[in-house]
Amino acid sequence: MSDTTFIKHPTALTSGDFTEAGEPFALFGEWFAEAVKSEPNDPTAMSLATVDESGLPDVRMVLMKGYDAGGFVFYSHIASPKGRELAANPKAALLFHWKSLRRQVRIRGNVSPVTEAEADAYFATRPKQAQIGAWASKQSQPLESRFAFEQAIAKVAAKHLIGEVPRPPGWSGWRIAPLRFEFWHDRPFRLHDRIEFRRDAAGQPWSKTRLYP
């Protein structure tokens, strides 16, 4: 899942006891900064859960490509199952699990598309081969063979030998604006620490509750 990543985050906390945190984005910033140093691969990896047209949950791994007080951003094809599911029901859940730190963060909230300018700006940062792959892939559609995919990649690559590769019209991103955060940290004998932050809408103050593990 590796790719070029840009991250924006608020100033991290310096408190040693995360259960004393008063604001979830700052706490996430502290934990994410530590995960970048300790995780052997893809600290930005997160599970994304959506709901399909039948009401069944659907989950997959994606990469977080940015976050700030407005929410958490990822990119994909609009016509993919996740894109169609989010268009029909713009709510999602995320899960970060950093095994090296024995920590996880659960996030739930509302989803909105990023702007065209945001999608263009991020796409321009991707390696050229990844840009070409975004044009060549008909994501989640049946593929007759690996060779057919390689042919499609070669055709797109030949078209863009020189110059920049524009963003495909069906490729964009989404932002999950959290209404719930749950932070979990492993402790011996399953005496774990858990805190939950809640708010009814974006921009409102957070309430915090400590939970039994």
Protein backbone atom coordinates (compact mmCIF):
# COMPACT_ATOMS: atom_id res chain seq x y z
CA MET A 1 0.00 0.00 0.00
CA SER A 2 3.04 2.28 0.13
CA ASP A 3 2.75 5.64 -1.60
CA THR A 4 3.79 9.22 -1.13
CA THR A 5 2.13 10.58 2.01
CA PHE A 6 1.62 14.08 3.36
CA ILE A 7 0.31 14.57 6.85
CA LYS A 8 -0.98 17.64 8.67
CA HIS A 9 -1.65 17.39 12.37
CA PRO A 10 -2.11 19.64 15.39
CA THR A 11 0.58 20.07 18.00
CA ALA A 12 1.05 16.82 19.89
CA LEU A 13 0.47 16.45 23.61
CA THR A 14 3.36 16.08 26.01
CA SER A 15 1.42 14.50 28.88
CA GLY A 16 2.53 10.99 29.79
CA ASP A 17 -0.98 9.82 30.76
CA PHE A 18 -3.14 9.81 27.65
CA THR A 19 -6.32 9.40 29.70
CA GLU A 20 -5.84 12.99 30.87
CA ALA A 21 -6.13 14.29 27.30
CA GLY A 22 -8.86 16.85 26.76
CA GLU A 23 -8.96 16.86 22.94
CA PRO A 24 -8.77 13.84 20.61
CA PHE A 25 -6.97 15.31 17.59
CA ALA A 26 -3.95 16.36 19.65
CA LEU A 27 -3.83 12.93 21.28
CA PHE A 28 -4.05 11.27 17.87
CA GLY A 29 -1.17 13.49 16.73
CA GLU A 30 1.01 12.27 19.59
CA TRP A 31 0.20 8.61 18.98
CA PHE A 32 0.63 8.90 15.22
CA ALA A 33 4.03 10.59 15.59
CA GLU A 34 5.15 7.67 17.76
CA ALA A 35 3.74 5.15 15.27
CA VAL A 36 5.73 6.74 12.43
CA LYS A 37 8.89 6.02 14.42
CA SER A 38 8.01 2.49 15.55
CA GLU A 39 5.80 0.79 12.94
CA PRO A 40 7.85 -1.31 10.46
CA ASN A 41 5.43 -0.67 7.59
CA ASP A 42 2.65 1.81 6.76
CA PRO A 43 1.79 3.60 10.03
CA THR A 44 -0.86 5.40 7.92
CA ALA A 45 -2.71 2.12 7.22
CA MET A 46 -6.29 2.14 8.49
CA SER A 47 -9.30 -0.13 8.16
CA LEU A 48 -12.21 1.62 6.45
CA ALA A 49 -15.70 0.24 7.15
CA THR A 50 -18.73 1.16 5.06
CA VAL A 51 -22.18 -0.37 4.43
CA ASP A 52 -23.32 -1.75 1.06
CA GLU A 53 -26.75 -1.50 -0.55
CA SER A 54 -27.95 -4.67 1.21
CA GLY A 55 -26.99 -3.33 4.63
CA LEU A 56 -23.96 -5.61 5.01
CA PRO A 57 -20.80 -4.07 6.45
CA ASP A 58 -17.79 -3.86 4.16
CA VAL A 59 -14.21 -3.31 5.35
CA ARG A 60 -10.80 -2.93 3.71
CA MET A 61 -7.39 -1.38 4.35
CA VAL A 62 -6.62 2.06 2.92
CA LEU A 63 -3.91 4.64 3.59
CA MET A 64 -4.53 7.90 5.39
CA LYS A 65 -3.15 10.67 3.20
CA GLY A 66 -3.71 13.61 5.49
CA TYR A 67 -5.56 14.76 8.58
CA ASP A 68 -6.32 17.92 10.46
CA ALA A 69 -9.16 19.25 12.60
CA GLY A 70 -11.49 18.74 9.64
CA GLY A 71 -10.98 14.99 9.50
CA PHE A 72 -9.07 12.10 7.96
CA VAL A 73 -8.49 11.89 4.19
CA PHE A 74 -7.96 8.96 1.82
CA TYR A 75 -8.15 8.56 -1.97
CA SER A 76 -9.49 5.94 -4.36
CA HIS A 77 -11.69 5.42 -7.42
CA ILE A 78 -15.19 6.87 -7.18
CA ALA A 79 -16.65 3.83 -8.99
CA SER A 80 -15.07 1.35 -6.56
CA PRO A 81 -17.36 -0.39 -4.04
CA LYS A 82 -16.21 1.95 -1.29
CA GLY A 83 -16.90 4.96 -3.50
CA ARG A 84 -20.41 3.78 -4.37
CA GLU A 85 -21.16 2.85 -0.76
CA LEU A 86 -20.05 6.24 0.54
CA ALA A 87 -22.11 8.01 -2.11
CA ALA A 88 -25.21 6.12 -0.95
CA ASN A 89 -24.47 6.31 2.79
CA PRO A 90 -21.84 8.95 3.65
CA LYS A 91 -20.85 7.55 7.03
CA ALA A 92 -17.81 5.42 7.86
CA ALA A 93 -15.67 3.93 10.60
CA LEU A 94 -11.87 3.83 10.73
CA LEU A 95 -9.48 1.71 12.77
CA PHE A 96 -5.78 2.32 13.26
CA HIS A 97 -3.91 -0.58 14.87
CA TRP A 98 -0.25 0.03 15.72
CA LYS A 99 0.98 -3.34 16.90
CA SER A 100 4.47 -2.08 17.78
CA LEU A 101 2.89 0.30 20.32
CA ARG A 102 0.08 -2.05 21.37
CA ARG A 103 -2.42 0.71 20.64
CA GLN A 104 -5.50 1.20 18.51
CA VAL A 105 -7.71 4.17 17.64
CA ARG A 106 -11.32 3.78 16.47
CA ILE A 107 -13.01 6.65 14.64
CA ARG A 108 -16.60 7.04 13.38
CA GLY A 109 -18.15 9.96 11.59
CA ASN A 110 -19.64 11.58 8.53
CA VAL A 111 -17.97 11.50 5.13
CA SER A 112 -17.71 14.17 2.43
CA PRO A 113 -15.75 14.33 -0.85
CA VAL A 114 -12.55 16.38 -0.93
CA THR A 115 -12.48 19.34 -3.30
CA GLU A 116 -11.25 19.02 -6.87
CA ALA A 117 -8.26 21.18 -5.94
CA GLU A 118 -7.36 18.89 -3.02
CA ALA A 119 -7.59 15.79 -5.20
CA ASP A 120 -5.46 17.40 -7.93
CA ALA A 121 -2.84 18.53 -5.42
CA TYR A 122 -2.50 15.10 -3.85
CA PHE A 123 -2.50 13.24 -7.18
CA ALA A 124 0.39 15.43 -8.34
CA THR A 125 2.50 14.16 -5.42
CA ARG A 126 2.13 10.48 -6.36
CA PRO A 127 4.96 8.65 -8.14
CA LYS A 128 4.40 8.66 -11.89
CA GLN A 129 3.99 4.88 -12.00
CA ALA A 130 1.21 5.13 -9.40
CA GLN A 131 -0.44 7.88 -11.44
CA ILE A 132 -0.32 5.66 -14.53
CA GLY A 133 -1.75 2.76 -12.53
CA ALA A 134 -4.72 4.90 -11.49
CA TRP A 135 -5.57 5.42 -15.18
CA ALA A 136 -4.99 1.78 -16.15
CA SER A 137 -6.96 0.15 -13.33
CA LYS A 138 -10.72 -0.35 -13.57
CA GLN A 139 -10.77 -0.90 -9.83
CA SER A 140 -12.76 -3.90 -8.57
CA GLN A 141 -14.02 -4.86 -12.03
CA PRO A 142 -13.30 -8.38 -13.35
CA LEU A 143 -9.79 -8.78 -14.82
CA GLU A 144 -9.19 -11.57 -17.34
CA SER A 145 -5.44 -11.85 -16.68
CA ARG A 146 -2.43 -10.11 -15.19
CA PHE A 147 -1.11 -9.69 -18.73
CA ALA A 148 -4.19 -7.66 -19.68
CA PHE A 149 -3.51 -5.31 -16.77
CA GLU A 150 0.15 -4.97 -17.76
CA GLN A 151 -0.92 -4.16 -21.31
CA ALA A 152 -3.23 -1.44 -20.05
CA ILE A 153 -0.41 0.02 -17.94
CA ALA A 154 1.95 -0.01 -20.93
CA LYS A 155 -0.62 1.75 -23.10
CA VAL A 156 -1.15 4.53 -20.54
CA ALA A 157 2.61 4.85 -19.94
CA ALA A 158 3.24 5.28 -23.67
CA LYS A 159 0.65 8.05 -23.78
CA HIS A 160 2.35 9.93 -20.94
CA LEU A 161 6.04 9.46 -21.73
CA ILE A 162 6.58 13.20 -21.47
CA GLY A 163 4.94 15.71 -19.18
CA GLU A 164 2.66 15.46 -16.19
CA VAL A 165 -0.03 12.82 -15.77
CA PRO A 166 -3.41 14.46 -15.05
CA ARG A 167 -5.76 13.09 -12.41
CA PRO A 168 -8.31 10.63 -13.83
CA PRO A 169 -11.88 12.00 -13.67
CA GLY A 170 -13.04 8.96 -11.65
CA TRP A 171 -10.31 9.23 -9.02
CA SER A 172 -10.77 11.40 -5.95
CA GLY A 173 -10.82 11.41 -2.16
CA TRP A 174 -13.02 11.56 0.91
CA ARG A 175 -12.76 13.14 4.35
CA ILE A 176 -14.13 11.44 7.46
CA ALA A 177 -15.15 14.07 10.03
CA PRO A 178 -15.09 12.29 13.41
CA LEU A 179 -18.01 12.27 15.82
CA ARG A 180 -16.48 9.48 17.92
CA PHE A 181 -12.91 8.61 18.89
CA GLU A 182 -11.89 5.68 21.04
CA PHE A 183 -8.27 5.30 22.19
CA TRP A 184 -7.12 1.92 23.49
CA HIS A 185 -3.74 1.05 25.01
CA ASP A 186 -2.71 -2.45 26.05
CA ARG A 187 -1.91 -3.03 29.72
CA PRO A 188 -0.85 -6.29 31.45
CA PHE A 189 -3.52 -8.84 32.43
CA ARG A 190 -6.09 -7.17 30.13
CA LEU A 191 -6.31 -4.16 32.45
CA HIS A 192 -6.23 -1.92 29.39
CA ASP A 193 -6.81 1.82 29.22
CA ARG A 194 -9.71 3.07 27.05
CA ILE A 195 -11.15 6.55 26.63
CA GLU A 196 -13.89 7.70 24.31
CA PHE A 197 -14.52 11.18 22.94
CA ARG A 198 -17.97 12.08 21.57
CA ARG A 199 -19.67 15.06 19.96
CA ASP A 200 -23.01 15.47 18.21
CA ALA A 201 -21.70 17.51 15.25
CA ALA A 202 -18.48 18.92 13.85
CA GLY A 203 -17.44 22.11 15.62
CA GLN A 204 -19.14 21.18 18.89
CA PRO A 205 -17.15 20.50 22.09
CA TRP A 206 -16.05 16.96 22.93
CA SER A 207 -17.21 14.94 25.91
CA LYS A 208 -14.86 12.31 27.31
CA THR A 209 -15.59 9.03 29.08
CA ARG A 210 -13.22 6.47 30.49
CA LEU A 211 -14.39 2.93 29.61
CA TYR A 212 -13.94 -0.45 31.21
CA PRO A 213 -11.54 -2.55 29.08
